[in-house]
């Protein structure tokens, strides 16, 4: 039987809604995702919900979709310029 060596991911993450580096006092670190990765994950979760409606895991999948889309919206807002006053 083969065992994979335990590799540690680099401790790089962002605070939710910002591009500041997270530290130990922040909320749990979130991995950095691209827009394409977020949309792909949402697409897969939506297909999962359609295949097994009414299951408890589909509730979790729905929650993940909401959180991913919220995060994508926050990233889009960070990329857009500030409105002039």
Protein backbone atom coordinates (compact mmCIF):
# COMPACT_ATOMS: atom_id res chain seq x y z
CA UNK A 1 0.00 0.00 0.00
CA UNK A 2 1.34 3.41 -0.94
CA UNK A 3 1.34 6.35 1.41
CA UNK A 4 1.59 9.90 0.32
CA UNK A 5 4.04 12.05 2.16
CA UNK A 6 2.30 14.60 4.31
CA UNK A 7 2.88 17.93 2.62
CA UNK A 8 1.99 21.14 4.37
CA UNK A 9 0.31 23.83 2.35
CA UNK A 10 1.94 27.22 2.58
CA UNK A 11 0.32 29.35 5.29
CA UNK A 12 -0.83 32.03 2.87
CA UNK A 13 -4.42 33.20 2.99
CA UNK A 14 -6.49 36.34 3.01
CA UNK A 15 -8.94 37.85 5.42
CA UNK A 16 -12.51 37.45 4.19
CA UNK A 17 -13.34 40.45 2.03
CA UNK A 18 -9.82 41.92 1.97
CA UNK A 19 -6.47 41.24 0.41
CA UNK A 20 -4.61 41.72 3.71
CA UNK A 21 -2.53 38.78 4.88
CA UNK A 22 -4.32 36.91 7.65
CA UNK A 23 -2.78 36.29 11.06
CA UNK A 24 -3.56 33.99 14.00
CA UNK A 25 -6.07 36.44 15.49
CA UNK A 26 -8.29 36.51 12.40
CA UNK A 27 -11.19 34.33 11.42
CA UNK A 28 -10.19 30.98 9.92
CA UNK A 29 -7.92 31.49 6.91
CA UNK A 30 -9.53 31.12 3.50
CA UNK A 31 -7.60 29.85 0.52
CA UNK A 32 -7.17 32.23 -2.37
CA UNK A 33 -9.49 31.23 -5.21
CA UNK A 34 -9.75 32.61 -8.70
CA UNK A 35 -13.07 33.67 -10.18
CA UNK A 36 -13.01 30.63 -12.47
CA UNK A 37 -12.42 28.26 -9.52
CA UNK A 38 -15.31 29.78 -7.58
CA UNK A 39 -17.68 29.51 -10.54
CA UNK A 40 -16.61 25.90 -11.22
CA UNK A 41 -17.21 24.96 -7.58
CA UNK A 42 -20.65 26.62 -7.63
CA UNK A 43 -21.53 24.75 -10.84
CA UNK A 44 -20.54 21.39 -9.34
CA UNK A 45 -22.46 22.08 -6.12
CA UNK A 46 -25.58 23.05 -8.08
CA UNK A 47 -25.42 19.77 -10.03
CA UNK A 48 -25.01 17.86 -6.76
CA UNK A 49 -28.12 19.54 -5.32
CA UNK A 50 -30.14 18.65 -8.44
CA UNK A 51 -29.07 14.98 -8.23
CA UNK A 52 -30.00 14.50 -4.57
CA UNK A 53 -32.70 16.98 -3.49
CA UNK A 54 -33.77 17.06 0.13
CA UNK A 55 -30.63 15.50 1.63
CA UNK A 56 -28.83 17.15 4.51
CA UNK A 57 -25.61 17.41 2.44
CA UNK A 58 -27.50 19.47 -0.14
CA UNK A 59 -28.24 22.02 2.59
CA UNK A 60 -24.50 22.26 3.16
CA UNK A 61 -23.91 22.53 -0.59
CA UNK A 62 -26.41 25.39 -0.77
CA UNK A 63 -24.65 27.16 2.08
CA UNK A 64 -21.32 26.75 0.31
CA UNK A 65 -22.79 28.23 -2.88
CA UNK A 66 -24.01 31.30 -1.00
CA UNK A 67 -20.63 31.77 0.70
CA UNK A 68 -18.68 31.31 -2.54
CA UNK A 69 -20.85 33.77 -4.46
CA UNK A 70 -20.62 36.27 -1.60
CA UNK A 71 -16.87 35.94 -1.69
CA UNK A 72 -16.82 36.40 -5.46
CA UNK A 73 -18.92 39.56 -5.05
CA UNK A 74 -16.46 40.88 -2.48
CA UNK A 75 -13.52 40.16 -4.79
CA UNK A 76 -15.29 41.95 -7.64
CA UNK A 77 -15.85 44.97 -5.37
CA UNK A 78 -12.15 45.03 -4.47
CA UNK A 79 -11.22 45.09 -8.15
CA UNK A 80 -13.60 47.91 -9.06
CA UNK A 81 -12.42 51.50 -8.61
CA UNK A 82 -13.84 53.65 -5.84
CA UNK A 83 -16.69 55.96 -6.95
CA UNK A 84 -15.74 59.63 -7.15
CA UNK A 85 -17.33 61.89 -4.53
